[in-house]
Structure formats: structure tokens, C-alpha cells
Amino acid sequence: MKLIVQIPCLNEEETVGETIRDIPREIPSIDRVEVLVIDDGSTDRTREVATAAGADHIISFTNRKGLARAFSAGIDTALKLGADIIVNTDADNQYRGADIPKLIAPILKKEADIVVGDREVEKIKHFSPVKKYFQRLGSWAVRKLSNTSVPDAASGFRAYNRDAAFSLNVVSDFSYTLETLIQAGKGSFAVGHVPIRTNPQTRPSRLFTGMYSYIKRSVITLIRIYTMYEPLKVFTMIGSLGIFLGVIISARFLYFLIIAEGRGHVQSLIFAAIFFIVGFQILVIGLLADTIAANRKLTENVLYRVKKLESRRENEQDPSSPSSDV
């Protein structure tokens, strides 16, 4: 059984070497451990340092494409390299490589398809109370939307079995963490979590410039992804709100009509008609979106089969090149 640890990187020459050296190369029940570095257009010596530290494979982007794209490229490459389990970790050495055996244990025991490392945010000293609060709030929202029980939805320390990795399709340009959990929940994958340790902070996060930016982009991502998977529910709620407002305003007009004062409140009838029309239009859009979602599921099934065929072909050709450029 092969385990590939993928590490997305952007200008991480100071920490990527330590991150790679911290990864255990011998794990019970694992025949081979390999390290895959995805260099997201770094302008420093990230690639050279990673090679010197023992990275087995390196993908290099010519320009920065973002964390989500780097993550997806790593997953695709790891599958083509024959990975049975894929672990994702951060290049800033936030997570302890020694916890990888604990992270993959539920997959080896056939108890989970995806395992997320729980940083136990309340114990992280460099997190401010405000950040801890929003981390808890965001994780709660993801649990509700994805029907999973992961306590730390933003954690990037994750393990995927081969079948779950084949099914991942990241469309966000921001981050993969929230989107892949919703996909997993809607895809009926078994998602587990284990407590993991973290190292002292080496640098501020580069994923967002501030708490407001992170919250805004996370909310937009959650709404977008949930709407992709549950369009009828979303548009039904919005459309029903419009119809409800129409009913309330109509009732107001009828009240004045009954007490013989309806002539001065015709505008209420106009607004009610507008809300009714808009509400029904949104419901129709929801039906169309639901049809598109059904087609998307068929497309994802095709992509799943294509990825498996490509991976099988690559494995038959025995890809062993230590690095590649894309």
C-alpha cells in the first residue's frame, strides 16, 4: 500500500525542508511513503530546498494559481502515481508529521474514507478569542450544511482513500477545505476526525489578509457550494420568502378593503403582485437549477471514471519521474 503526502507550497524555503523531514517514512501497514510537493509559482528556493530535503515528486506552476488549484493538482498527480492513501499537509509545518499514522488509522481500519485532523482550536495559543469564535462558528455551519461531524472544518491536515480522492472536484479558487467537506457529505462518504497536534506558528496565514476577508470569502464559498448541491432547497427558500411577503401585503390590502378603505391602498396590491411574480419565478429557476444539478452529478460520475482510467494507464506505464512542470 502506497501513501503519498502532498504539500502545496508558495515561497516556503524556510519551512518546507523541516516539514518534509518531519514526515515518517516508515508506517505500519504502509509499504511505501512518498512526498509530493506542489510549487505554486514560488519565487524563492522552495523547489531546491524541497528536493534537498527528500521530496520524491515536485510539480511546479509557472505562476501562482492559488491553494485550491494546487491542492487539486496534487490529488490528480498522487492518483496517477498510484497512491492508495493521500495525506495533505501545509508547508509551514503547522501540523506534526508524526501524527500522520494517527490520521490514516481510520482509513486503514475501513472506518472512514476521509479523515480530518482536529487541531482542537481552543488549545491553540496564537489564535485570538475572536478567531477561535469564528472558527467554531464556521465549523458548526459546515457541519450543518454537509451533514458531517468534523469539529475543525478549516483544518488542512487531511487523509483521503483512493476512492474518495477520485471523487473530489474542487471548483473554488479560494480554498478546498470547506468545499471538499460539503462534497464528501453530499457524496455519502464516511468522514472521520482525529485530534492532532500543531507546532508553534512560523508565519501569519497567506490565505487571507484579515478576519473580515476570510469570513466574507468563506461565506461566499459555502453558499456557492451548497447551492450547487442543493439548488432546489435554496431557491425554494428564497422563492417562498417572496410569496410569503406577497401574502402578507395582500392580507393588508384585504383588511383595508373589508373596512371600506381599500381605494387608498392599491399600491399594496401592486407590491403583492410583484412579490408573487418574483417568488414564482425564483421557484421556476430552482427547478431548472435542480435539473442542472442532476446533469452535474452525471458529469461528476463521468469524471470519476475518466480519472480512474487515466490513473490505470499511468500506473501501467510505471511513472517514476521525481519531478514535473505544469
C-alpha atoms as a PDB file:
ATOM      1  CA  MET A   1       0.000   0.000   0.000  1.00  0.00           C
ATOM      2  CA  LYS A   2       1.373   3.389  -1.023  1.00  0.00           C
ATOM      3  CA  LEU A   3       0.898   6.621   0.930  1.00  0.00           C
ATOM      4  CA  ILE A   4       1.657   9.946  -0.727  1.00  0.00           C
ATOM      5  CA  VAL A   5       1.909  13.089   1.396  1.00  0.00           C
ATOM      6  CA  GLN A   6       1.213  16.168  -0.706  1.00  0.00           C
ATOM      7  CA  ILE A   7       2.429  19.616   0.310  1.00  0.00           C
ATOM      8  CA  PRO A   8       1.173  22.726  -1.531  1.00  0.00           C
ATOM      9  CA  CYS A   9       3.875  25.426  -1.343  1.00  0.00           C
ATOM     10  CA  LEU A  10       4.276  29.113  -2.053  1.00  0.00           C
ATOM     11  CA  ASN A  11       7.611  30.687  -1.096  1.00  0.00           C
ATOM     12  CA  GLU A  12       8.226  28.266   1.770  1.00  0.00           C
ATOM     13  CA  GLU A  13      12.018  27.849   1.551  1.00  0.00           C
ATOM     14  CA  GLU A  14      12.357  28.476   5.293  1.00  0.00           C
ATOM     15  CA  THR A  15       9.952  25.749   6.445  1.00  0.00           C
ATOM     16  CA  VAL A  16       9.316  23.232   3.647  1.00  0.00           C
ATOM     17  CA  GLY A  17      12.526  21.323   4.400  1.00  0.00           C
ATOM     18  CA  GLU A  18      11.588  20.830   8.035  1.00  0.00           C
ATOM     19  CA  THR A  19       8.050  19.845   7.011  1.00  0.00           C
ATOM     20  CA  ILE A  20       9.362  17.128   4.681  1.00  0.00           C
ATOM     21  CA  ARG A  21      11.914  15.809   7.172  1.00  0.00           C
ATOM     22  CA  ASP A  22       9.161  15.595   9.801  1.00  0.00           C
ATOM     23  CA  ILE A  23       7.174  13.116   7.680  1.00  0.00           C
ATOM     24  CA  PRO A  24       7.685   9.500   8.837  1.00  0.00           C
ATOM     25  CA  ARG A  25       8.908   7.248   6.028  1.00  0.00           C
ATOM     26  CA  GLU A  26       8.006   4.008   7.778  1.00  0.00           C
ATOM     27  CA  ILE A  27       4.408   3.477   8.927  1.00  0.00           C
ATOM     28  CA  PRO A  28       2.823   0.147   9.938  1.00  0.00           C
ATOM     29  CA  SER A  29       0.618  -1.347   7.169  1.00  0.00           C
ATOM     30  CA  ILE A  30       2.127   1.085   4.618  1.00  0.00           C
ATOM     31  CA  ASP A  31       4.633  -0.342   2.139  1.00  0.00           C
ATOM     32  CA  ARG A  32       5.902   2.948   0.764  1.00  0.00           C
ATOM     33  CA  VAL A  33       5.685   6.617   1.783  1.00  0.00           C
ATOM     34  CA  GLU A  34       6.376   9.300  -0.825  1.00  0.00           C
ATOM     35  CA  VAL A  35       6.329  13.094  -0.659  1.00  0.00           C
ATOM     36  CA  LEU A  36       4.782  15.222  -3.401  1.00  0.00           C
ATOM     37  CA  VAL A  37       5.430  18.983  -3.389  1.00  0.00           C
ATOM     38  CA  ILE A  38       3.218  21.326  -5.411  1.00  0.00           C
ATOM     39  CA  ASP A  39       5.155  24.549  -6.004  1.00  0.00           C
ATOM     40  CA  ASP A  40       2.537  27.243  -6.637  1.00  0.00           C
ATOM     41  CA  GLY A  41       4.777  29.603  -8.607  1.00  0.00           C
ATOM     42  CA  SER A  42       7.306  30.275  -5.821  1.00  0.00           C
ATOM     43  CA  THR A  43       9.919  32.947  -6.472  1.00  0.00           C
ATOM     44  CA  ASP A  44      12.350  31.751  -3.794  1.00  0.00           C
ATOM     45  CA  ARG A  45      14.290  28.480  -3.378  1.00  0.00           C
ATOM     46  CA  THR A  46      11.277  26.376  -2.340  1.00  0.00           C
ATOM     47  CA  ARG A  47      11.851  23.778  -5.040  1.00  0.00           C
ATOM     48  CA  GLU A  48      15.581  23.411  -4.366  1.00  0.00           C
ATOM     49  CA  VAL A  49      15.059  23.119  -0.613  1.00  0.00           C
ATOM     50  CA  ALA A  50      12.271  20.544  -1.099  1.00  0.00           C
ATOM     51  CA  THR A  51      14.475  18.453  -3.373  1.00  0.00           C
ATOM     52  CA  ALA A  52      17.369  18.578  -0.908  1.00  0.00           C
ATOM     53  CA  ALA A  53      15.047  17.575   1.949  1.00  0.00           C
ATOM     54  CA  GLY A  54      13.975  14.414   0.109  1.00  0.00           C
ATOM     55  CA  ALA A  55      10.821  15.236  -1.854  1.00  0.00           C
ATOM     56  CA  ASP A  56      10.116  12.349  -4.237  1.00  0.00           C
ATOM     57  CA  HIS A  57       7.990  14.328  -6.710  1.00  0.00           C
ATOM     58  CA  ILE A  58       7.658  18.040  -7.444  1.00  0.00           C
ATOM     59  CA  ILE A  59       5.078  19.846  -9.554  1.00  0.00           C
ATOM     60  CA  SER A  60       5.972  23.448 -10.447  1.00  0.00           C
ATOM     61  CA  PHE A  61       3.482  26.045 -11.666  1.00  0.00           C
ATOM     62  CA  THR A  62       4.927  28.841 -13.770  1.00  0.00           C
ATOM     63  CA  ASN A  63       2.759  31.372 -11.927  1.00  0.00           C
ATOM     64  CA  ARG A  64       0.605  31.431  -8.824  1.00  0.00           C
ATOM     65  CA  LYS A  65      -2.704  29.602  -9.263  1.00  0.00           C
ATOM     66  CA  GLY A  66      -3.955  29.519  -5.681  1.00  0.00           C
ATOM     67  CA  LEU A  67      -4.276  26.934  -2.921  1.00  0.00           C
ATOM     68  CA  ALA A  68      -7.362  25.235  -4.342  1.00  0.00           C
ATOM     69  CA  ARG A  69      -5.724  24.661  -7.737  1.00  0.00           C
ATOM     70  CA  ALA A  70      -2.513  23.436  -6.116  1.00  0.00           C
ATOM     71  CA  PHE A  71      -4.477  21.005  -3.946  1.00  0.00           C
ATOM     72  CA  SER A  72      -6.375  19.630  -6.959  1.00  0.00           C
ATOM     73  CA  ALA A  73      -3.192  19.227  -8.990  1.00  0.00           C
ATOM     74  CA  GLY A  74      -1.625  17.329  -6.109  1.00  0.00           C
ATOM     75  CA  ILE A  75      -4.595  14.973  -5.779  1.00  0.00           C
ATOM     76  CA  ASP A  76      -4.608  14.210  -9.518  1.00  0.00           C
ATOM     77  CA  THR A  77      -0.864  13.596  -9.585  1.00  0.00           C
ATOM     78  CA  ALA A  78      -0.897  11.417  -6.468  1.00  0.00           C
ATOM     79  CA  LEU A  79      -3.603   9.245  -8.000  1.00  0.00           C
ATOM     80  CA  LYS A  80      -1.605   8.868 -11.206  1.00  0.00           C
ATOM     81  CA  LEU A  81       1.398   7.877  -9.091  1.00  0.00           C
ATOM     82  CA  GLY A  82      -0.634   5.040  -7.634  1.00  0.00           C
ATOM     83  CA  ALA A  83      -1.419   6.401  -4.169  1.00  0.00           C
ATOM     84  CA  ASP A  84      -3.781   4.280  -2.090  1.00  0.00           C
ATOM     85  CA  ILE A  85      -3.966   6.968   0.605  1.00  0.00           C
ATOM     86  CA  ILE A  86      -3.267  10.677   0.160  1.00  0.00           C
ATOM     87  CA  VAL A  87      -2.425  12.970   3.068  1.00  0.00           C
ATOM     88  CA  ASN A  88      -2.479  16.733   2.635  1.00  0.00           C
ATOM     89  CA  THR A  89      -0.409  18.930   4.945  1.00  0.00           C
ATOM     90  CA  ASP A  90       0.774  22.544   4.977  1.00  0.00           C
ATOM     91  CA  ALA A  91       4.296  23.628   4.038  1.00  0.00           C
ATOM     92  CA  ASP A  92       4.592  25.999   7.009  1.00  0.00           C
ATOM     93  CA  ASN A  93       4.970  22.953   9.291  1.00  0.00           C
ATOM     94  CA  GLN A  94       1.794  23.843  11.188  1.00  0.00           C
ATOM     95  CA  TYR A  95       0.911  20.155  11.565  1.00  0.00           C
ATOM     96  CA  ARG A  96       3.152  17.491  13.063  1.00  0.00           C
ATOM     97  CA  GLY A  97       4.190  14.814  10.619  1.00  0.00           C
ATOM     98  CA  ALA A  98       4.409  12.341  13.491  1.00  0.00           C
ATOM     99  CA  ASP A  99       0.581  12.409  13.642  1.00  0.00           C
ATOM    100  CA  ILE A 100       0.202  11.003  10.114  1.00  0.00           C
ATOM    101  CA  PRO A 101      -0.128   7.377  11.378  1.00  0.00           C
ATOM    102  CA  LYS A 102      -2.942   8.531  13.665  1.00  0.00           C
ATOM    103  CA  LEU A 103      -4.574  10.443  10.817  1.00  0.00           C
ATOM    104  CA  ILE A 104      -4.679   7.491   8.417  1.00  0.00           C
ATOM    105  CA  ALA A 105      -5.605   4.859  11.039  1.00  0.00           C
ATOM    106  CA  PRO A 106      -9.417   5.126  10.461  1.00  0.00           C
ATOM    107  CA  ILE A 107      -8.846   4.641   6.720  1.00  0.00           C
ATOM    108  CA  LEU A 108      -6.653   1.575   7.283  1.00  0.00           C
ATOM    109  CA  LYS A 109      -9.351   0.172   9.580  1.00  0.00           C
ATOM    110  CA  LYS A 110     -12.036   0.808   6.888  1.00  0.00           C
ATOM    111  CA  GLU A 111     -13.851   3.123   9.292  1.00  0.00           C
ATOM    112  CA  ALA A 112     -13.610   6.270   7.151  1.00  0.00           C
ATOM    113  CA  ASP A 113     -12.982   7.401   3.587  1.00  0.00           C
ATOM    114  CA  ILE A 114     -11.805  10.868   4.628  1.00  0.00           C
ATOM    115  CA  VAL A 115     -10.199  11.876   7.920  1.00  0.00           C
ATOM    116  CA  VAL A 116      -9.718  15.465   9.070  1.00  0.00           C
ATOM    117  CA  GLY A 117      -7.203  16.386  11.741  1.00  0.00           C
ATOM    118  CA  ASP A 118      -8.833  18.254  14.617  1.00  0.00           C
ATOM    119  CA  ARG A 119      -6.451  20.943  15.865  1.00  0.00           C
ATOM    120  CA  GLU A 120      -8.628  21.461  18.950  1.00  0.00           C
ATOM    121  CA  VAL A 121      -8.708  25.165  18.214  1.00  0.00           C
ATOM    122  CA  GLU A 122      -9.404  26.181  21.808  1.00  0.00           C
ATOM    123  CA  LYS A 123      -5.921  24.948  22.766  1.00  0.00           C
ATOM    124  CA  ILE A 124      -4.014  26.903  20.096  1.00  0.00           C
ATOM    125  CA  LYS A 125      -2.300  29.733  21.940  1.00  0.00           C
ATOM    126  CA  HIS A 126      -1.624  32.063  18.998  1.00  0.00           C
ATOM    127  CA  PHE A 127      -5.312  32.096  17.954  1.00  0.00           C
ATOM    128  CA  SER A 128      -7.127  35.158  19.278  1.00  0.00           C
ATOM    129  CA  PRO A 129     -10.510  34.716  21.047  1.00  0.00           C
ATOM    130  CA  VAL A 130     -12.234  36.275  18.022  1.00  0.00           C
ATOM    131  CA  LYS A 131     -10.548  33.849  15.626  1.00  0.00           C
ATOM    132  CA  LYS A 132     -11.431  30.901  17.854  1.00  0.00           C
ATOM    133  CA  TYR A 133     -15.061  32.022  17.941  1.00  0.00           C
ATOM    134  CA  PHE A 134     -15.347  32.320  14.168  1.00  0.00           C
ATOM    135  CA  GLN A 135     -13.535  29.009  13.683  1.00  0.00           C
ATOM    136  CA  ARG A 136     -16.151  27.332  15.890  1.00  0.00           C
ATOM    137  CA  LEU A 137     -18.995  29.154  14.138  1.00  0.00           C
ATOM    138  CA  GLY A 138     -17.688  28.278  10.680  1.00  0.00           C
ATOM    139  CA  SER A 139     -17.177  24.626  11.599  1.00  0.00           C
ATOM    140  CA  TRP A 140     -20.717  24.477  13.001  1.00  0.00           C
ATOM    141  CA  ALA A 141     -22.106  25.895   9.737  1.00  0.00           C
ATOM    142  CA  VAL A 142     -20.146  23.369   7.664  1.00  0.00           C
ATOM    143  CA  ARG A 143     -21.376  20.503   9.847  1.00  0.00           C
ATOM    144  CA  LYS A 144     -24.973  21.595   9.292  1.00  0.00           C
ATOM    145  CA  LEU A 145     -24.560  22.043   5.532  1.00  0.00           C
ATOM    146  CA  SER A 146     -22.553  18.862   4.956  1.00  0.00           C
ATOM    147  CA  ASN A 147     -24.198  16.517   7.500  1.00  0.00           C
ATOM    148  CA  THR A 148     -20.769  15.630   8.883  1.00  0.00           C
ATOM    149  CA  SER A 149     -19.400  15.835  12.422  1.00  0.00           C
ATOM    150  CA  VAL A 150     -15.988  17.415  11.784  1.00  0.00           C
ATOM    151  CA  PRO A 151     -15.167  19.843  14.638  1.00  0.00           C
ATOM    152  CA  ASP A 152     -12.391  21.683  12.734  1.00  0.00           C
ATOM    153  CA  ALA A 153     -13.631  22.299   9.193  1.00  0.00           C
ATOM    154  CA  ALA A 154     -10.762  24.642   8.282  1.00  0.00           C
ATOM    155  CA  SER A 155      -8.031  22.119   9.076  1.00  0.00           C
ATOM    156  CA  GLY A 156      -5.814  21.333   6.094  1.00  0.00           C
ATOM    157  CA  PHE A 157      -4.339  18.179   7.656  1.00  0.00           C
ATOM    158  CA  ARG A 158      -6.419  15.509   5.938  1.00  0.00           C
ATOM    159  CA  ALA A 159      -6.265  11.972   4.625  1.00  0.00           C
ATOM    160  CA  TYR A 160      -8.219  10.523   1.693  1.00  0.00           C
ATOM    161  CA  ASN A 161      -8.531   6.982   0.494  1.00  0.00           C
ATOM    162  CA  ARG A 162      -8.209   6.375  -3.233  1.00  0.00           C
ATOM    163  CA  ASP A 163     -11.925   6.221  -3.986  1.00  0.00           C
ATOM    164  CA  ALA A 164     -12.698   9.471  -2.149  1.00  0.00           C
ATOM    165  CA  ALA A 165      -9.801  11.232  -3.879  1.00  0.00           C
ATOM    166  CA  PHE A 166     -11.138  10.194  -7.285  1.00  0.00           C
ATOM    167  CA  SER A 167     -14.476  11.826  -6.433  1.00  0.00           C
ATOM    168  CA  LEU A 168     -13.080  15.235  -5.447  1.00  0.00           C
ATOM    169  CA  ASN A 169     -13.876  18.095  -7.836  1.00  0.00           C
ATOM    170  CA  VAL A 170     -12.792  21.478  -6.475  1.00  0.00           C
ATOM    171  CA  VAL A 171     -14.306  24.473  -8.300  1.00  0.00           C
ATOM    172  CA  SER A 172     -13.462  27.207  -5.775  1.00  0.00           C
ATOM    173  CA  ASP A 173     -10.404  29.398  -6.320  1.00  0.00           C
ATOM    174  CA  PHE A 174     -10.189  30.236  -2.616  1.00  0.00           C
ATOM    175  CA  SER A 175      -9.703  27.058  -0.595  1.00  0.00           C
ATOM    176  CA  TYR A 176     -10.537  23.374  -0.776  1.00  0.00           C
ATOM    177  CA  THR A 177     -11.232  22.781   2.931  1.00  0.00           C
ATOM    178  CA  LEU A 178     -14.893  23.807   3.136  1.00  0.00           C
ATOM    179  CA  GLU A 179     -15.864  22.698  -0.350  1.00  0.00           C
ATOM    180  CA  THR A 180     -14.486  19.175  -0.098  1.00  0.00           C
ATOM    181  CA  LEU A 181     -16.304  18.571   3.196  1.00  0.00           C
ATOM    182  CA  ILE A 182     -19.647  19.529   1.672  1.00  0.00           C
ATOM    183  CA  GLN A 183     -18.869  17.344  -1.344  1.00  0.00           C
ATOM    184  CA  ALA A 184     -17.996  14.446   0.937  1.00  0.00           C
ATOM    185  CA  GLY A 185     -21.192  14.836   2.957  1.00  0.00           C
ATOM    186  CA  LYS A 186     -23.394  15.067  -0.124  1.00  0.00           C
ATOM    187  CA  GLY A 187     -21.477  12.201  -1.721  1.00  0.00           C
ATOM    188  CA  SER A 188     -22.215   9.913   1.240  1.00  0.00           C
ATOM    189  CA  PHE A 189     -18.560   9.350   2.085  1.00  0.00           C
ATOM    190  CA  ALA A 190     -17.645   8.342   5.619  1.00  0.00           C
ATOM    191  CA  VAL A 191     -15.894  11.366   7.133  1.00  0.00           C
ATOM    192  CA  GLY A 192     -13.985  10.943  10.377  1.00  0.00           C
ATOM    193  CA  HIS A 193     -11.773  13.125  12.531  1.00  0.00           C
ATOM    194  CA  VAL A 194      -8.946  12.595  14.995  1.00  0.00           C
ATOM    195  CA  PRO A 195      -7.237  15.010  17.398  1.00  0.00           C
ATOM    196  CA  ILE A 196      -3.837  16.157  16.159  1.00  0.00           C
ATOM    197  CA  ARG A 197      -1.061  18.388  17.478  1.00  0.00           C
ATOM    198  CA  THR A 198       0.225  21.617  15.993  1.00  0.00           C
ATOM    199  CA  ASN A 199       3.634  23.264  16.011  1.00  0.00           C
ATOM    200  CA  PRO A 200       4.285  26.889  17.039  1.00  0.00           C
ATOM    201  CA  GLN A 201       3.282  29.449  14.411  1.00  0.00           C
ATOM    202  CA  THR A 202       6.050  30.213  11.890  1.00  0.00           C
ATOM    203  CA  ARG A 203       4.290  32.957   9.910  1.00  0.00           C
ATOM    204  CA  PRO A 204       0.848  34.607   9.510  1.00  0.00           C
ATOM    205  CA  SER A 205      -1.649  32.949   7.189  1.00  0.00           C
ATOM    206  CA  ARG A 206      -1.312  33.884   3.499  1.00  0.00           C
ATOM    207  CA  LEU A 207      -4.744  32.634   2.562  1.00  0.00           C
ATOM    208  CA  PHE A 208      -6.460  35.858   3.657  1.00  0.00           C
ATOM    209  CA  THR A 209      -5.417  39.377   4.615  1.00  0.00           C
ATOM    210  CA  GLY A 210      -7.690  39.699   7.648  1.00  0.00           C
ATOM    211  CA  MET A 211     -10.585  38.159   9.556  1.00  0.00           C
ATOM    212  CA  TYR A 212     -13.205  40.107   7.588  1.00  0.00           C
ATOM    213  CA  SER A 213     -11.734  38.907   4.276  1.00  0.00           C
ATOM    214  CA  TYR A 214     -11.663  35.308   5.484  1.00  0.00           C
ATOM    215  CA  ILE A 215     -15.268  35.394   6.727  1.00  0.00           C
ATOM    216  CA  LYS A 216     -16.544  37.033   3.538  1.00  0.00           C
ATOM    217  CA  ARG A 217     -14.830  34.586   1.207  1.00  0.00           C
ATOM    218  CA  SER A 218     -15.766  31.603   3.363  1.00  0.00           C
ATOM    219  CA  VAL A 219     -19.452  32.583   3.442  1.00  0.00           C
ATOM    220  CA  ILE A 220     -19.496  33.089  -0.329  1.00  0.00           C
ATOM    221  CA  THR A 221     -17.829  29.700  -0.837  1.00  0.00           C
ATOM    222  CA  LEU A 222     -20.298  27.940   1.478  1.00  0.00           C
ATOM    223  CA  ILE A 223     -23.340  29.481  -0.213  1.00  0.00           C
ATOM    224  CA  ARG A 224     -21.977  28.742  -3.677  1.00  0.00           C
ATOM    225  CA  ILE A 225     -21.091  25.119  -2.999  1.00  0.00           C
ATOM    226  CA  TYR A 226     -24.271  24.332  -1.058  1.00  0.00           C
ATOM    227  CA  THR A 227     -26.343  25.848  -3.858  1.00  0.00           C
ATOM    228  CA  MET A 228     -24.526  23.596  -6.349  1.00  0.00           C
ATOM    229  CA  TYR A 229     -25.555  20.505  -4.414  1.00  0.00           C
ATOM    230  CA  GLU A 230     -28.957  21.578  -3.072  1.00  0.00           C
ATOM    231  CA  PRO A 231     -30.276  24.160  -5.578  1.00  0.00           C
ATOM    232  CA  LEU A 232     -33.938  23.282  -5.144  1.00  0.00           C
ATOM    233  CA  LYS A 233     -33.784  23.805  -1.370  1.00  0.00           C
ATOM    234  CA  VAL A 234     -32.010  27.160  -1.718  1.00  0.00           C
ATOM    235  CA  PHE A 235     -34.266  28.587  -4.423  1.00  0.00           C
ATOM    236  CA  THR A 236     -37.395  27.215  -2.733  1.00  0.00           C
ATOM    237  CA  MET A 237     -36.499  29.074   0.463  1.00  0.00           C
ATOM    238  CA  ILE A 238     -35.849  32.313  -1.420  1.00  0.00           C
ATOM    239  CA  GLY A 239     -38.935  31.964  -3.617  1.00  0.00           C
ATOM    240  CA  SER A 240     -41.133  31.071  -0.658  1.00  0.00           C
ATOM    241  CA  LEU A 241     -39.973  34.223   1.118  1.00  0.00           C
ATOM    242  CA  GLY A 242     -41.159  36.315  -1.835  1.00  0.00           C
ATOM    243  CA  ILE A 243     -44.525  34.539  -1.911  1.00  0.00           C
ATOM    244  CA  PHE A 244     -44.875  34.914   1.866  1.00  0.00           C
ATOM    245  CA  LEU A 245     -44.290  38.669   1.630  1.00  0.00           C
ATOM    246  CA  GLY A 246     -46.858  38.780  -1.163  1.00  0.00           C
ATOM    247  CA  VAL A 247     -49.389  37.022   1.062  1.00  0.00           C
ATOM    248  CA  ILE A 248     -48.729  39.431   3.960  1.00  0.00           C
ATOM    249  CA  ILE A 249     -49.142  42.508   1.773  1.00  0.00           C
ATOM    250  CA  SER A 250     -52.269  41.030   0.146  1.00  0.00           C
ATOM    251  CA  ALA A 251     -53.750  40.418   3.577  1.00  0.00           C
ATOM    252  CA  ARG A 252     -53.064  44.049   4.443  1.00  0.00           C
ATOM    253  CA  PHE A 253     -54.915  45.204   1.310  1.00  0.00           C
ATOM    254  CA  LEU A 254     -57.850  42.876   2.018  1.00  0.00           C
ATOM    255  CA  TYR A 255     -58.085  44.232   5.552  1.00  0.00           C
ATOM    256  CA  PHE A 256     -58.447  47.798   4.331  1.00  0.00           C
ATOM    257  CA  LEU A 257     -60.828  46.621   1.592  1.00  0.00           C
ATOM    258  CA  ILE A 258     -63.073  44.966   4.175  1.00  0.00           C
ATOM    259  CA  ILE A 259     -63.262  48.122   6.273  1.00  0.00           C
ATOM    260  CA  ALA A 260     -64.075  50.100   3.110  1.00  0.00           C
ATOM    261  CA  GLU A 261     -60.718  51.876   2.879  1.00  0.00           C
ATOM    262  CA  GLY A 262     -59.208  49.847   0.040  1.00  0.00           C
ATOM    263  CA  ARG A 263     -59.120  52.664  -2.523  1.00  0.00           C
ATOM    264  CA  GLY A 264     -56.211  54.353  -0.782  1.00  0.00           C
ATOM    265  CA  HIS A 265     -54.083  51.206  -0.618  1.00  0.00           C
ATOM    266  CA  VAL A 266     -53.909  49.999  -4.220  1.00  0.00           C
ATOM    267  CA  GLN A 267     -50.103  50.209  -4.036  1.00  0.00           C
ATOM    268  CA  SER A 268     -50.179  47.286  -1.586  1.00  0.00           C
ATOM    269  CA  LEU A 269     -51.868  45.182  -4.249  1.00  0.00           C
ATOM    270  CA  ILE A 270     -49.189  46.167  -6.768  1.00  0.00           C
ATOM    271  CA  PHE A 271     -46.352  45.249  -4.387  1.00  0.00           C
ATOM    272  CA  ALA A 272     -48.065  41.951  -3.550  1.00  0.00           C
ATOM    273  CA  ALA A 273     -48.312  41.097  -7.249  1.00  0.00           C
ATOM    274  CA  ILE A 274     -44.612  41.890  -7.709  1.00  0.00           C
ATOM    275  CA  PHE A 275     -43.623  39.628  -4.811  1.00  0.00           C
ATOM    276  CA  PHE A 276     -45.845  36.817  -6.108  1.00  0.00           C
ATOM    277  CA  ILE A 277     -44.383  37.038  -9.601  1.00  0.00           C
ATOM    278  CA  VAL A 278     -40.788  37.203  -8.396  1.00  0.00           C
ATOM    279  CA  GLY A 279     -41.361  34.361  -5.918  1.00  0.00           C
ATOM    280  CA  PHE A 280     -42.799  32.048  -8.566  1.00  0.00           C
ATOM    281  CA  GLN A 281     -40.002  32.959 -10.984  1.00  0.00           C
ATOM    282  CA  ILE A 282     -37.401  32.012  -8.363  1.00  0.00           C
ATOM    283  CA  LEU A 283     -39.178  28.692  -7.812  1.00  0.00           C
ATOM    284  CA  VAL A 284     -39.030  28.001 -11.551  1.00  0.00           C
ATOM    285  CA  ILE A 285     -35.328  28.895 -11.547  1.00  0.00           C
ATOM    286  CA  GLY A 286     -34.912  26.423  -8.677  1.00  0.00           C
ATOM    287  CA  LEU A 287     -36.482  23.661 -10.764  1.00  0.00           C
ATOM    288  CA  LEU A 288     -34.137  24.447 -13.649  1.00  0.00           C
ATOM    289  CA  ALA A 289     -31.144  24.559 -11.285  1.00  0.00           C
ATOM    290  CA  ASP A 290     -32.170  21.182  -9.873  1.00  0.00           C
ATOM    291  CA  THR A 291     -32.165  19.741 -13.393  1.00  0.00           C
ATOM    292  CA  ILE A 292     -28.693  21.215 -13.973  1.00  0.00           C
ATOM    293  CA  ALA A 293     -27.545  19.697 -10.654  1.00  0.00           C
ATOM    294  CA  ALA A 294     -28.722  16.286 -11.832  1.00  0.00           C
ATOM    295  CA  ASN A 295     -26.667  16.714 -15.004  1.00  0.00           C
ATOM    296  CA  ARG A 296     -23.697  17.805 -12.881  1.00  0.00           C
ATOM    297  CA  LYS A 297     -23.916  14.535 -10.941  1.00  0.00           C
ATOM    298  CA  LEU A 298     -23.800  12.615 -14.208  1.00  0.00           C
ATOM    299  CA  THR A 299     -20.792  14.706 -15.282  1.00  0.00           C
ATOM    300  CA  GLU A 300     -19.027  14.009 -11.976  1.00  0.00           C
ATOM    301  CA  ASN A 301     -19.645  10.302 -12.473  1.00  0.00           C
ATOM    302  CA  VAL A 302     -18.051  10.522 -15.918  1.00  0.00           C
ATOM    303  CA  LEU A 303     -15.086  12.451 -14.476  1.00  0.00           C
ATOM    304  CA  TYR A 304     -14.710   9.804 -11.779  1.00  0.00           C
ATOM    305  CA  ARG A 305     -14.484   7.058 -14.405  1.00  0.00           C
ATOM    306  CA  VAL A 306     -12.123   9.081 -16.615  1.00  0.00           C
ATOM    307  CA  LYS A 307      -9.782   9.733 -13.681  1.00  0.00           C
ATOM    308  CA  LYS A 308      -9.697   6.037 -12.832  1.00  0.00           C
ATOM    309  CA  LEU A 309      -8.919   5.128 -16.453  1.00  0.00           C
ATOM    310  CA  GLU A 310      -6.148   7.749 -16.646  1.00  0.00           C
ATOM    311  CA  SER A 311      -4.697   6.555 -13.359  1.00  0.00           C
ATOM    312  CA  ARG A 312      -4.735   2.949 -14.520  1.00  0.00           C
ATOM    313  CA  ARG A 313      -2.980   3.907 -17.741  1.00  0.00           C
ATOM    314  CA  GLU A 314      -0.337   5.921 -15.875  1.00  0.00           C
ATOM    315  CA  ASN A 315       0.301   3.046 -13.478  1.00  0.00           C
ATOM    316  CA  GLU A 316       0.720   0.636 -16.357  1.00  0.00           C
ATOM    317  CA  GLN A 317       3.374   2.963 -17.758  1.00  0.00           C
ATOM    318  CA  ASP A 318       5.064   2.980 -14.295  1.00  0.00           C
ATOM    319  CA  PRO A 319       5.565   6.726 -13.821  1.00  0.00           C
ATOM    320  CA  SER A 320       8.709   7.209 -11.750  1.00  0.00           C
ATOM    321  CA  SER A 321       9.898  10.684 -12.670  1.00  0.00           C
ATOM    322  CA  PRO A 322      10.859  12.582  -9.495  1.00  0.00           C
ATOM    323  CA  SER A 323       9.584  15.902 -10.789  1.00  0.00           C
ATOM    324  CA  SER A 324       7.385  17.506 -13.407  1.00  0.00           C
ATOM    325  CA  ASP A 325       6.499  21.002 -14.546  1.00  0.00           C
ATOM    326  CA  VAL A 326       2.981  22.155 -15.395  1.00  0.00           C
END
